[in-house]
N, C-alpha and C. Protein backbone atom coordinates (compact mmCIF):
# COMPACT_ATOMS: atom_id res chain seq x y z
N MET A 1 14.02 -8.37 10.66
CA MET A 1 12.94 -8.61 10.16
C MET A 1 11.96 -8.95 10.82
N ALA A 2 11.43 -9.62 11.68
CA ALA A 2 10.65 -10.14 12.64
C ALA A 2 9.87 -8.82 13.31
N CYS A 3 11.00 -8.11 13.80
CA CYS A 3 10.39 -6.53 14.33
C CYS A 3 10.07 -6.23 13.57
N SER A 4 10.21 -5.51 12.53
CA SER A 4 9.91 -4.50 11.12
C SER A 4 8.29 -5.46 11.29
N SER A 5 8.26 -6.45 10.65
CA SER A 5 6.91 -7.08 9.80
C SER A 5 5.79 -6.86 11.48
N TYR A 6 6.29 -6.98 12.76
CA TYR A 6 5.39 -6.72 13.66
C TYR A 6 4.87 -5.36 13.77
N GLY A 7 6.08 -4.32 13.79
CA GLY A 7 5.63 -3.30 13.75
C GLY A 7 4.95 -2.70 12.53
N ILE A 8 5.05 -3.10 11.61
CA ILE A 8 3.98 -2.81 10.89
C ILE A 8 2.49 -3.43 10.68
N ALA A 9 2.43 -4.37 11.22
CA ALA A 9 1.46 -4.85 11.60
C ALA A 9 0.46 -4.47 12.63
N CYS A 10 1.34 -3.64 13.78
CA CYS A 10 0.78 -2.74 14.74
C CYS A 10 0.61 -1.25 13.97
N TYR A 11 1.40 -0.87 12.76
CA TYR A 11 0.85 0.11 12.25
C TYR A 11 -0.58 0.11 11.45
N PHE A 12 -0.81 -1.04 11.04
CA PHE A 12 -2.30 -1.10 10.42
C PHE A 12 -3.26 -1.13 10.83
N LYS A 13 -3.04 -1.60 12.64
CA LYS A 13 -3.77 -1.61 13.34
C LYS A 13 -4.09 -0.44 14.31
N GLY A 14 -3.28 0.60 14.03
CA GLY A 14 -3.16 1.89 14.23
C GLY A 14 -2.37 2.12 15.89
N LEU A 15 -1.49 1.08 15.81
CA LEU A 15 -1.01 1.13 17.40
C LEU A 15 0.32 1.73 17.46
N PHE A 16 0.72 3.09 17.40
CA PHE A 16 1.37 3.73 16.70
C PHE A 16 2.63 3.52 17.43
N ASP A 17 2.73 3.55 18.73
CA ASP A 17 3.71 3.85 19.51
C ASP A 17 4.67 2.47 19.68
N GLU A 18 3.63 1.10 19.86
CA GLU A 18 4.32 0.03 19.76
C GLU A 18 4.70 -0.38 18.04
N ALA A 19 4.27 0.13 16.89
CA ALA A 19 4.57 0.25 15.92
C ALA A 19 5.90 0.96 15.75
N GLU A 20 6.37 2.19 16.09
CA GLU A 20 7.30 2.94 16.20
C GLU A 20 8.48 1.87 16.70
N ASN A 21 8.37 1.58 17.88
CA ASN A 21 9.43 0.96 18.53
C ASN A 21 9.74 -0.31 17.76
N SER A 22 8.90 -1.11 17.33
CA SER A 22 9.47 -2.24 16.63
C SER A 22 9.93 -2.14 15.61
N ILE A 23 9.56 -1.29 14.70
CA ILE A 23 10.20 -0.89 13.30
C ILE A 23 11.46 -0.26 13.07
N LEU A 24 11.80 0.38 14.22
CA LEU A 24 13.09 0.94 14.48
C LEU A 24 14.20 0.11 15.04
N GLN A 25 13.75 -0.93 16.07
CA GLN A 25 14.10 -2.16 16.35
C GLN A 25 15.04 -2.96 15.14
N GLY A 26 13.95 -3.13 14.10
CA GLY A 26 14.02 -3.71 12.87
C GLY A 26 14.95 -3.13 11.90
N ILE A 27 14.92 -1.84 11.87
CA ILE A 27 15.73 -1.29 11.08
C ILE A 27 17.35 -1.14 11.76
N THR A 28 17.05 -1.35 12.85
CA THR A 28 18.90 -1.33 13.36
C THR A 28 19.31 -2.94 12.96
N PHE A 29 18.44 -3.87 13.17
CA PHE A 29 18.92 -5.33 13.02
C PHE A 29 19.00 -5.28 11.41
N CYS A 30 18.42 -4.92 10.49
CA CYS A 30 18.73 -4.67 9.14
C CYS A 30 19.86 -3.97 8.69
N GLU A 31 19.99 -3.17 9.13
CA GLU A 31 21.52 -2.36 9.35
C GLU A 31 22.90 -3.27 9.46
N LYS A 32 22.69 -4.10 10.53
CA LYS A 32 23.51 -5.13 10.93
C LYS A 32 23.95 -5.95 10.01
N THR A 33 22.43 -6.49 9.27
CA THR A 33 22.63 -7.78 8.52
C THR A 33 22.71 -7.22 6.88
N ALA A 34 22.89 -6.30 6.56
CA ALA A 34 22.65 -5.77 5.30
C ALA A 34 21.50 -6.06 4.23
N GLN A 35 20.43 -6.45 5.26
CA GLN A 35 18.73 -6.69 4.43
C GLN A 35 18.41 -5.71 3.97
N LEU A 36 18.96 -5.14 2.90
CA LEU A 36 18.63 -3.69 2.23
C LEU A 36 17.22 -3.82 1.90
N GLY A 37 16.19 -4.66 1.24
CA GLY A 37 15.03 -4.49 0.94
C GLY A 37 14.16 -4.29 2.43
N TRP A 38 14.78 -4.95 3.17
CA TRP A 38 13.56 -4.84 4.67
C TRP A 38 13.82 -3.46 5.22
N ARG A 39 15.26 -3.23 5.28
CA ARG A 39 15.27 -1.50 5.89
C ARG A 39 14.37 -0.71 5.05
N ALA A 40 14.73 -0.79 3.47
CA ALA A 40 13.87 0.18 3.17
C ALA A 40 12.39 0.61 3.06
N TRP A 41 11.97 -0.94 3.37
CA TRP A 41 10.26 -1.11 3.53
C TRP A 41 9.99 -0.77 4.81
N ALA A 42 11.09 -0.76 5.92
CA ALA A 42 10.31 -0.66 7.03
C ALA A 42 10.76 1.38 7.12
N SER A 43 11.29 1.43 6.41
CA SER A 43 11.79 3.00 6.37
C SER A 43 10.66 3.50 5.96
N GLY A 44 10.30 3.15 4.60
CA GLY A 44 9.01 3.38 4.01
C GLY A 44 7.61 3.77 5.03
N PHE A 45 7.55 2.56 5.53
CA PHE A 45 6.26 2.00 6.76
C PHE A 45 6.64 3.51 7.73
N LEU A 46 7.62 3.73 8.34
CA LEU A 46 7.49 4.69 9.06
C LEU A 46 7.36 6.12 8.80
N GLY A 47 7.65 6.43 7.39
CA GLY A 47 7.47 7.57 6.72
C GLY A 47 5.83 7.67 6.72
N HIS A 48 5.14 6.41 6.35
CA HIS A 48 4.05 6.54 6.20
C HIS A 48 3.37 7.00 7.96
N MET A 49 3.83 6.38 8.78
CA MET A 49 3.21 6.25 10.34
C MET A 49 3.42 8.10 11.15
N TYR A 50 4.74 8.46 10.52
CA TYR A 50 5.09 9.83 11.02
C TYR A 50 4.00 10.65 10.34
N SER A 51 3.77 10.65 9.15
CA SER A 51 3.00 11.36 8.33
C SER A 51 1.89 11.27 9.18
N HIS A 52 1.09 10.48 9.31
CA HIS A 52 -0.44 10.13 9.66
C HIS A 52 -0.22 10.86 11.65
N MET A 53 0.52 11.04 11.94
CA MET A 53 1.28 11.38 13.26
C MET A 53 1.36 12.91 13.58
N GLY A 54 1.73 13.50 11.78
CA GLY A 54 1.66 14.83 11.67
C GLY A 54 2.99 15.29 12.02
N GLU A 55 4.13 14.34 12.23
CA GLU A 55 5.56 14.99 12.04
C GLU A 55 6.12 14.57 10.47
N TYR A 56 5.43 15.56 10.18
CA TYR A 56 5.83 15.67 8.32
C TYR A 56 7.36 15.69 8.06
N ASP A 57 8.22 16.51 8.46
CA ASP A 57 9.70 16.67 8.31
C ASP A 57 10.30 15.26 8.52
N LYS A 58 9.98 14.55 9.96
CA LYS A 58 10.73 13.10 10.04
C LYS A 58 9.95 12.05 8.94
N ALA A 59 8.76 12.28 8.42
CA ALA A 59 8.18 11.10 7.68
C ALA A 59 9.10 11.50 6.55
N GLN A 60 9.31 12.85 6.07
CA GLN A 60 9.86 12.73 4.70
C GLN A 60 11.67 12.49 4.63
N ASP A 61 11.98 12.61 5.90
CA ASP A 61 13.21 11.98 6.23
C ASP A 61 13.25 10.17 5.66
N TYR A 62 12.10 9.90 6.73
CA TYR A 62 12.45 8.19 6.21
C TYR A 62 11.74 7.61 4.94
N PHE A 63 11.11 8.54 4.09
CA PHE A 63 10.80 8.44 2.84
C PHE A 63 11.85 8.22 2.04
N LYS A 64 12.64 9.40 2.43
CA LYS A 64 13.94 9.38 1.53
C LYS A 64 15.01 8.36 1.71
N LYS A 65 15.07 7.61 3.18
CA LYS A 65 16.26 6.91 3.02
C LYS A 65 15.44 5.62 2.51
N GLY A 66 14.47 5.34 2.64
CA GLY A 66 14.29 4.30 2.16
C GLY A 66 14.01 4.35 0.27
N ILE A 67 13.89 5.21 -0.40
CA ILE A 67 14.01 5.78 -1.56
C ILE A 67 15.34 5.29 -2.14
N SER A 68 16.59 6.13 -1.14
CA SER A 68 17.97 5.79 -1.51
C SER A 68 18.42 4.23 -1.75
N THR A 69 17.73 4.03 -0.51
CA THR A 69 18.21 2.29 -0.25
C THR A 69 17.99 1.35 -1.50
N LEU A 70 16.49 1.82 -1.63
CA LEU A 70 16.04 1.10 -2.92
C LEU A 70 16.64 1.34 -4.50
N GLU A 71 16.87 2.84 -4.66
CA GLU A 71 17.48 3.27 -5.75
C GLU A 71 18.92 2.64 -5.83
N ARG A 72 19.87 2.67 -5.02
CA ARG A 72 20.69 2.23 -4.90
C ARG A 72 21.15 0.66 -5.35
N ALA A 73 20.04 -0.29 -4.76
CA ALA A 73 20.27 -1.69 -5.13
C ALA A 73 19.08 -2.15 -6.30
N ARG A 74 18.55 -1.09 -6.81
CA ARG A 74 18.06 -0.93 -8.09
C ARG A 74 16.59 -2.42 -7.96
N ILE A 75 15.91 -2.17 -6.85
CA ILE A 75 14.70 -2.87 -6.78
C ILE A 75 13.55 -2.35 -6.22
N TYR A 76 12.72 -2.67 -6.13
CA TYR A 76 11.34 -2.32 -5.77
C TYR A 76 10.99 -0.78 -6.53
N PRO A 77 10.96 -0.60 -8.01
CA PRO A 77 11.08 0.59 -8.31
C PRO A 77 9.51 1.30 -8.00
N PHE A 78 8.36 0.90 -8.02
CA PHE A 78 6.70 0.83 -7.78
C PHE A 78 6.96 1.69 -6.28
N TRP A 79 7.82 1.00 -5.21
CA TRP A 79 8.01 1.71 -3.73
C TRP A 79 8.48 3.00 -4.09
N VAL A 80 9.64 3.35 -4.83
CA VAL A 80 10.24 4.17 -5.13
C VAL A 80 9.21 5.36 -5.74
N ASN A 81 8.42 5.26 -6.49
CA ASN A 81 7.51 6.17 -6.96
C ASN A 81 6.49 6.41 -6.03
N MET A 82 5.90 5.22 -5.23
CA MET A 82 4.68 5.79 -4.40
C MET A 82 5.49 6.37 -3.11
N TRP A 83 6.46 6.22 -2.65
CA TRP A 83 6.99 7.08 -1.69
C TRP A 83 7.38 8.66 -2.05
N LYS A 84 7.77 8.78 -3.43
CA LYS A 84 8.01 10.38 -4.11
C LYS A 84 6.85 10.96 -3.78
N VAL A 85 5.52 10.26 -4.17
CA VAL A 85 4.23 10.86 -3.84
C VAL A 85 3.74 11.18 -2.62
N SER A 86 4.74 10.45 -1.75
CA SER A 86 3.95 10.35 -0.62
C SER A 86 4.93 11.48 0.40
N ILE A 87 6.46 11.91 -0.19
CA ILE A 87 6.66 13.14 0.03
C ILE A 87 5.88 14.32 -0.09
N ALA A 88 5.41 14.38 -1.51
CA ALA A 88 4.61 15.74 -1.93
C ALA A 88 3.60 15.58 -0.68
N ARG A 89 2.75 14.51 -0.72
CA ARG A 89 1.73 14.40 0.13
C ARG A 89 1.91 14.89 1.27
N SER A 90 3.06 14.31 2.44
CA SER A 90 3.86 15.07 3.46
C SER A 90 3.89 16.70 3.48
N LYS A 91 4.46 16.91 2.59
CA LYS A 91 5.08 18.55 2.29
C LYS A 91 3.38 19.49 2.19
N VAL A 92 2.41 19.06 1.18
CA VAL A 92 1.20 19.62 1.01
C VAL A 92 0.65 19.82 2.73
N LEU A 93 0.74 18.59 3.38
CA LEU A 93 0.16 18.71 4.49
C LEU A 93 0.51 19.66 5.58
N ASN A 94 1.88 19.51 5.41
CA ASN A 94 2.76 20.47 6.36
C ASN A 94 2.92 22.04 5.86
N ASN A 95 1.62 22.08 4.94
CA ASN A 95 1.55 23.62 3.98
C ASN A 95 2.57 24.19 3.28
N ASP A 96 3.52 23.10 2.56
CA ASP A 96 4.52 23.51 1.73
C ASP A 96 3.72 23.22 0.12
N ARG A 97 3.43 24.19 -0.49
CA ARG A 97 3.10 23.76 -1.71
C ARG A 97 3.60 23.78 -2.80
N ASP A 98 4.91 23.73 -2.47
CA ASP A 98 6.19 23.95 -3.36
C ASP A 98 6.36 22.49 -3.92
N ILE A 99 5.50 22.01 -4.79
CA ILE A 99 5.60 20.64 -5.40
C ILE A 99 5.17 20.73 -6.79
N ASN A 100 5.83 20.08 -7.70
CA ASN A 100 5.23 19.92 -8.95
C ASN A 100 4.23 18.85 -9.17
N LEU A 101 3.05 19.25 -9.42
CA LEU A 101 2.00 18.15 -9.66
C LEU A 101 2.03 17.18 -10.96
N ASP A 102 2.82 17.72 -11.92
CA ASP A 102 2.99 17.00 -13.46
C ASP A 102 3.93 15.72 -12.79
N GLU A 103 5.25 16.16 -12.06
CA GLU A 103 6.05 14.94 -11.84
C GLU A 103 5.29 14.04 -10.62
N VAL A 104 4.11 14.60 -9.75
CA VAL A 104 3.82 13.52 -8.90
C VAL A 104 2.83 12.74 -9.64
N PHE A 105 1.97 13.28 -10.63
CA PHE A 105 1.08 12.08 -11.61
C PHE A 105 2.30 11.11 -12.34
N GLU A 106 3.15 11.71 -12.58
CA GLU A 106 4.11 10.96 -13.70
C GLU A 106 4.31 9.99 -12.83
N TYR A 107 4.92 10.12 -11.39
CA TYR A 107 5.14 9.26 -10.38
C TYR A 107 4.29 7.92 -10.18
N TYR A 108 2.71 8.29 -10.12
CA TYR A 108 1.94 7.56 -10.18
C TYR A 108 1.46 6.56 -11.12
N GLU A 109 1.93 7.21 -12.65
CA GLU A 109 1.81 6.35 -13.71
C GLU A 109 2.88 5.42 -14.11
N ASN A 110 4.07 5.64 -13.44
CA ASN A 110 5.05 4.64 -13.17
C ASN A 110 5.19 3.43 -12.56
N ILE A 111 3.93 3.46 -11.90
CA ILE A 111 3.69 2.20 -10.74
C ILE A 111 3.22 1.42 -11.42
N ASN A 112 3.75 0.00 -11.54
CA ASN A 112 3.25 -1.15 -12.31
C ASN A 112 2.48 -2.02 -11.16
N ALA A 113 2.78 -1.93 -9.93
CA ALA A 113 2.03 -2.61 -8.97
C ALA A 113 0.64 -2.58 -8.41
N GLU A 114 -0.28 -3.25 -9.00
CA GLU A 114 -1.69 -2.95 -8.39
C GLU A 114 -2.22 -2.81 -7.37
N VAL A 115 -1.37 -3.57 -6.67
CA VAL A 115 -1.63 -3.17 -5.06
C VAL A 115 -1.20 -1.94 -4.22
N VAL A 116 -0.50 -1.11 -5.02
CA VAL A 116 -0.12 -0.02 -4.63
C VAL A 116 -0.79 0.99 -5.28
N LYS A 117 -1.24 1.04 -6.20
CA LYS A 117 -2.05 2.11 -6.99
C LYS A 117 -2.93 2.77 -6.34
N GLY A 118 -4.12 1.68 -5.44
CA GLY A 118 -5.36 2.48 -4.97
C GLY A 118 -4.79 3.47 -3.61
N TRP A 119 -3.80 2.65 -3.47
CA TRP A 119 -3.10 3.76 -2.08
C TRP A 119 -2.56 4.80 -2.47
N THR A 120 -1.64 5.04 -3.78
CA THR A 120 -1.15 6.15 -4.44
C THR A 120 -2.13 7.03 -4.63
N ALA A 121 -3.15 6.87 -5.22
CA ALA A 121 -4.56 7.39 -5.99
C ALA A 121 -4.87 8.02 -4.76
N ARG A 122 -5.36 7.54 -3.73
CA ARG A 122 -5.88 8.29 -2.45
C ARG A 122 -4.98 9.32 -2.33
N TYR A 123 -3.69 8.89 -1.78
CA TYR A 123 -2.49 10.09 -1.48
C TYR A 123 -2.58 11.56 -2.72
N LEU A 124 -2.67 11.09 -3.78
CA LEU A 124 -3.08 12.20 -5.30
C LEU A 124 -4.07 12.64 -4.66
N GLY A 125 -5.16 12.27 -4.15
CA GLY A 125 -6.92 12.83 -4.01
C GLY A 125 -6.76 13.68 -2.84
N GLU A 126 -5.87 13.36 -1.58
CA GLU A 126 -5.34 14.09 -0.66
C GLU A 126 -4.75 15.06 -0.81
N ILE A 127 -3.55 15.09 -1.80
CA ILE A 127 -2.90 16.22 -2.28
C ILE A 127 -3.92 17.40 -2.77
N LEU A 128 -4.71 16.97 -3.49
CA LEU A 128 -5.46 17.92 -4.52
C LEU A 128 -6.21 18.69 -3.59
N LEU A 129 -7.05 17.70 -2.68
CA LEU A 129 -7.86 18.20 -1.83
C LEU A 129 -7.17 19.46 -0.74
N ASN A 130 -6.09 19.30 -0.49
CA ASN A 130 -5.24 20.13 0.52
C ASN A 130 -4.44 21.31 -0.29
N ILE A 131 -4.30 21.14 -1.30
CA ILE A 131 -3.26 22.11 -1.63
C ILE A 131 -3.75 23.32 -2.05
N ASP A 132 -5.07 23.33 -2.62
CA ASP A 132 -5.88 24.65 -2.61
C ASP A 132 -7.31 24.58 -2.73
N ASP A 133 -8.08 25.43 -3.28
CA ASP A 133 -9.58 25.11 -2.76
C ASP A 133 -9.98 25.06 -4.68
N GLN A 134 -9.48 24.80 -5.41
CA GLN A 134 -9.64 24.95 -6.73
C GLN A 134 -9.69 23.44 -7.36
N ASN A 135 -9.56 22.22 -6.71
CA ASN A 135 -9.48 20.81 -7.45
C ASN A 135 -10.21 20.21 -6.22
N ILE A 136 -11.04 20.26 -6.02
CA ILE A 136 -12.23 19.59 -5.11
C ILE A 136 -12.59 18.37 -6.03
N SER A 137 -13.15 18.80 -6.97
CA SER A 137 -13.90 17.82 -7.84
C SER A 137 -12.37 16.66 -8.44
N GLU A 138 -11.20 17.50 -8.75
CA GLU A 138 -10.60 16.51 -9.44
C GLU A 138 -10.01 15.32 -8.18
N ALA A 139 -10.19 16.41 -6.78
CA ALA A 139 -9.74 15.07 -5.94
C ALA A 139 -10.79 14.15 -5.57
N GLU A 140 -12.21 14.44 -5.94
CA GLU A 140 -12.95 13.40 -5.62
C GLU A 140 -12.91 12.18 -6.53
N ASP A 141 -12.21 12.77 -7.84
CA ASP A 141 -12.03 11.79 -9.08
C ASP A 141 -11.10 10.50 -8.29
N TRP A 142 -10.02 11.08 -7.90
CA TRP A 142 -8.87 10.42 -7.44
C TRP A 142 -9.39 9.42 -6.10
N ILE A 143 -10.20 10.03 -5.66
CA ILE A 143 -10.78 9.13 -4.16
C ILE A 143 -11.43 8.21 -4.71
N LYS A 144 -12.48 8.46 -5.97
CA LYS A 144 -13.22 7.40 -6.38
C LYS A 144 -12.19 6.29 -7.15
N LYS A 145 -11.30 6.88 -7.81
CA LYS A 145 -10.30 5.93 -8.44
C LYS A 145 -9.58 5.03 -7.33
N ALA A 146 -9.38 5.66 -6.34
CA ALA A 146 -8.62 4.55 -5.20
C ALA A 146 -9.40 3.73 -4.49
N ILE A 147 -10.96 4.18 -4.64
CA ILE A 147 -12.09 3.00 -3.99
C ILE A 147 -12.02 2.04 -4.64
N GLU A 148 -12.02 2.37 -6.21
CA GLU A 148 -12.25 1.45 -7.07
C GLU A 148 -11.13 0.26 -7.42
N ALA A 149 -9.89 0.96 -7.03
CA ALA A 149 -8.84 0.07 -7.11
C ALA A 149 -8.48 -0.99 -5.85
N ASN A 150 -8.90 -0.72 -4.75
CA ASN A 150 -8.84 -1.20 -3.51
C ASN A 150 -9.81 -2.02 -3.12
N LYS A 151 -11.03 -1.95 -3.90
CA LYS A 151 -12.58 -2.85 -3.86
C LYS A 151 -11.74 -4.17 -4.72
N SER A 152 -11.00 -3.64 -6.11
CA SER A 152 -10.95 -4.74 -7.06
C SER A 152 -9.88 -5.57 -6.42
N ASN A 153 -8.96 -4.97 -5.63
CA ASN A 153 -7.92 -5.91 -5.36
C ASN A 153 -8.09 -6.37 -3.93
N SER A 154 -9.22 -6.22 -3.49
CA SER A 154 -9.45 -6.35 -1.77
C SER A 154 -8.38 -6.09 -0.55
N MET A 155 -7.96 -4.71 -1.29
CA MET A 155 -7.18 -4.18 -0.19
C MET A 155 -8.05 -3.02 1.02
N MET A 156 -8.64 -3.93 1.80
CA MET A 156 -9.82 -3.70 2.58
C MET A 156 -9.75 -2.53 3.55
N TRP A 157 -8.19 -2.49 4.46
CA TRP A 157 -7.60 -1.66 5.17
C TRP A 157 -7.44 -0.22 4.33
N GLN A 158 -6.94 -0.14 3.10
CA GLN A 158 -6.99 0.77 2.31
C GLN A 158 -8.01 1.40 1.83
N LEU A 159 -9.08 0.69 1.65
CA LEU A 159 -10.69 1.01 1.34
C LEU A 159 -11.29 1.72 2.17
N GLY A 160 -10.88 1.24 3.80
CA GLY A 160 -11.29 1.94 4.82
C GLY A 160 -10.65 3.41 4.96
N ARG A 161 -9.55 3.57 4.48
CA ARG A 161 -8.76 4.89 4.84
C ARG A 161 -9.39 5.50 3.67
N ASP A 162 -9.46 4.92 2.18
CA ASP A 162 -10.50 5.88 1.65
C ASP A 162 -11.66 6.69 1.60
N TYR A 163 -12.51 5.78 2.18
CA TYR A 163 -13.50 6.59 2.84
C TYR A 163 -13.60 7.39 3.94
N ARG A 164 -12.33 7.56 4.49
CA ARG A 164 -12.13 8.33 5.60
C ARG A 164 -11.85 10.05 5.05
N LEU A 165 -10.96 9.44 3.83
CA LEU A 165 -10.66 10.91 3.16
C LEU A 165 -11.98 11.59 2.61
N TYR A 166 -12.64 10.73 2.09
CA TYR A 166 -13.86 10.91 1.47
C TYR A 166 -14.77 11.89 2.46
N THR A 167 -14.69 11.50 3.78
CA THR A 167 -15.26 12.28 4.48
C THR A 167 -14.28 14.09 4.77
N ASP A 168 -13.61 13.99 4.54
CA ASP A 168 -12.95 15.50 4.50
C ASP A 168 -13.54 16.05 3.26
N LEU A 169 -13.47 15.07 2.12
CA LEU A 169 -14.03 16.00 1.08
C LEU A 169 -15.22 16.30 1.24
N PHE A 170 -16.20 15.78 1.94
CA PHE A 170 -17.68 16.05 1.96
C PHE A 170 -17.56 17.20 2.89
N LYS A 171 -16.77 17.42 3.77
CA LYS A 171 -16.37 18.38 5.16
C LYS A 171 -16.39 19.93 4.39
N ARG A 172 -15.33 19.55 3.26
CA ARG A 172 -14.83 20.57 2.54
C ARG A 172 -16.00 21.27 1.59
N LYS A 173 -16.99 20.37 1.13
CA LYS A 173 -18.05 20.83 0.26
C LYS A 173 -19.13 21.39 0.93
N GLY A 174 -18.96 21.04 2.47
CA GLY A 174 -20.16 21.61 3.55
C GLY A 174 -21.40 20.58 3.86
N ASP A 175 -21.02 19.17 3.25
CA ASP A 175 -22.21 18.51 3.48
C ASP A 175 -21.91 17.68 4.42
N GLN A 176 -22.48 17.64 5.55
CA GLN A 176 -22.27 16.88 6.96
C GLN A 176 -22.90 15.61 6.81
N PHE A 177 -23.69 15.43 6.36
CA PHE A 177 -24.86 14.16 6.16
C PHE A 177 -23.63 13.19 5.47
N LYS A 178 -23.54 13.45 4.20
CA LYS A 178 -22.70 12.76 3.58
C LYS A 178 -21.08 12.39 4.37
N ALA A 179 -20.57 13.29 4.65
CA ALA A 179 -19.32 13.20 5.71
C ALA A 179 -19.26 12.04 6.73
N LYS A 180 -20.73 12.35 7.64
CA LYS A 180 -20.89 11.41 8.36
C LYS A 180 -21.16 9.91 7.79
N GLU A 181 -21.84 9.73 6.72
CA GLU A 181 -22.03 8.37 6.05
C GLU A 181 -20.90 8.09 5.54
N LYS A 182 -19.73 8.95 5.00
CA LYS A 182 -18.33 7.72 4.64
C LYS A 182 -17.90 7.69 5.87
N LEU A 183 -17.84 8.74 7.26
CA LEU A 183 -17.12 8.21 7.98
C LEU A 183 -17.40 7.12 8.62
N VAL A 184 -18.56 6.49 8.83
CA VAL A 184 -19.42 5.54 9.29
C VAL A 184 -18.90 4.41 8.65
N LYS A 185 -19.19 4.68 6.99
CA LYS A 185 -18.48 3.39 6.27
C LYS A 185 -17.25 2.84 6.65
N ALA A 186 -16.20 3.93 6.58
CA ALA A 186 -14.59 3.64 7.04
C ALA A 186 -14.63 2.96 8.37
N ILE A 187 -15.28 3.10 9.37
CA ILE A 187 -15.52 2.87 10.55
C ILE A 187 -15.77 1.09 10.28
N ASP A 188 -16.88 1.10 9.80
CA ASP A 188 -17.23 -0.90 9.64
C ASP A 188 -16.43 -1.24 8.61
N ILE A 189 -15.73 -0.87 7.81
CA ILE A 189 -14.45 -1.54 7.17
C ILE A 189 -13.82 -1.41 8.19
N LEU A 190 -12.65 -0.90 9.03
CA LEU A 190 -11.91 -0.90 9.47
C LEU A 190 -12.09 -1.83 10.79
N ASN A 191 -13.15 -1.73 11.33
CA ASN A 191 -13.31 -2.62 12.31
C ASN A 191 -13.56 -4.24 11.90
N GLU A 192 -13.88 -4.51 10.58
CA GLU A 192 -13.79 -5.41 9.93
C GLU A 192 -12.35 -6.14 9.82
N CYS A 193 -11.55 -5.09 9.96
CA CYS A 193 -9.93 -5.52 9.28
C CYS A 193 -9.40 -5.69 10.68
N GLY A 194 -9.90 -5.12 11.89
CA GLY A 194 -9.44 -5.36 13.32
C GLY A 194 -8.37 -4.18 13.47
N ALA A 195 -8.59 -3.24 12.85
CA ALA A 195 -7.95 -2.21 12.87
C ALA A 195 -8.42 -1.19 14.11
N ASP A 196 -7.96 -1.64 15.26
CA ASP A 196 -8.42 -1.01 16.35
C ASP A 196 -8.38 0.28 16.94
N GLY A 197 -7.09 0.48 16.67
CA GLY A 197 -6.47 1.98 16.75
C GLY A 197 -7.02 3.38 16.22
N TRP A 198 -7.38 2.65 14.66
CA TRP A 198 -8.02 3.59 13.76
C TRP A 198 -9.61 3.74 13.94
N VAL A 199 -9.92 2.46 14.11
CA VAL A 199 -11.49 2.75 14.64
C VAL A 199 -11.73 3.49 15.78
N LYS A 200 -10.78 3.35 16.81
CA LYS A 200 -11.07 4.22 18.06
C LYS A 200 -10.96 5.74 17.65
N LYS A 201 -9.94 5.92 16.87
CA LYS A 201 -9.73 7.62 16.52
C LYS A 201 -11.08 7.93 15.87
N TYR A 202 -11.50 7.07 14.79
CA TYR A 202 -12.76 7.61 13.81
C TYR A 202 -14.19 7.39 14.56
N GLU A 203 -14.26 6.76 15.41
CA GLU A 203 -15.71 6.84 16.42
C GLU A 203 -15.43 8.14 17.30
N LYS A 204 -14.19 8.56 17.66
CA LYS A 204 -14.07 9.60 18.41
C LYS A 204 -14.50 11.15 17.38
N SER A 205 -13.71 10.85 16.42
CA SER A 205 -14.11 11.99 15.14
C SER A 205 -15.64 12.32 15.01
N LEU A 206 -16.39 10.92 15.27
CA LEU A 206 -18.10 10.59 14.62
C LEU A 206 -18.55 11.36 15.75
N LYS A 207 -18.40 10.99 17.21
CA LYS A 207 -18.92 11.47 18.40
C LYS A 207 -18.76 12.79 18.07
N ASP A 208 -17.60 13.61 17.82
CA ASP A 208 -17.37 14.96 18.28
C ASP A 208 -18.17 15.57 17.46
N SER A 209 -18.64 15.24 15.88
CA SER A 209 -19.22 15.78 15.01
C SER A 209 -20.64 15.82 14.80
N LEU A 210 -21.00 14.69 16.09
CA LEU A 210 -22.74 14.74 16.24
C LEU A 210 -23.17 16.10 17.05
């Protein structure tokens, strides 16, 4: 459990190599000790991390492992729904458009944990932004919903990630000024969170865009 918690903390800081090793060790320990909740949680965070690393098939595998564990134990249905949205996001980012958007929106509606709503709203915005060129306005609505939820719940790391996605939306619109403005906002927020790895990555993106 300690390995998983440390690994997840590393993920939030953007230290992916350290996060991966620690979470995998944590999953092994949880399997030996039948800690189902911790094993599922660790699997889900590996899914998020692999998705950010562009390893989308691996991400989907770990989301599915987490979902399977929670469904068997009948615990934490909000994570099950969140990870089902995460699978759809990973598919779209991997250029697989074969998803049912109505089902994805239903997963969101079935989440009853407010602290997860903003995160999931951002993923819905990202799905809509990347599935085709017809949903930019709706994608922006979901990004705004994510920002509102994460501000309300003081989920600052999530808020920083919201503004980072907003950068992509303004790039898609061709508004480079707004894109840079949102990226600077994301960097400032994540810097306050101590998310050094993410800050370094986004500062490089900002420098490359100048």
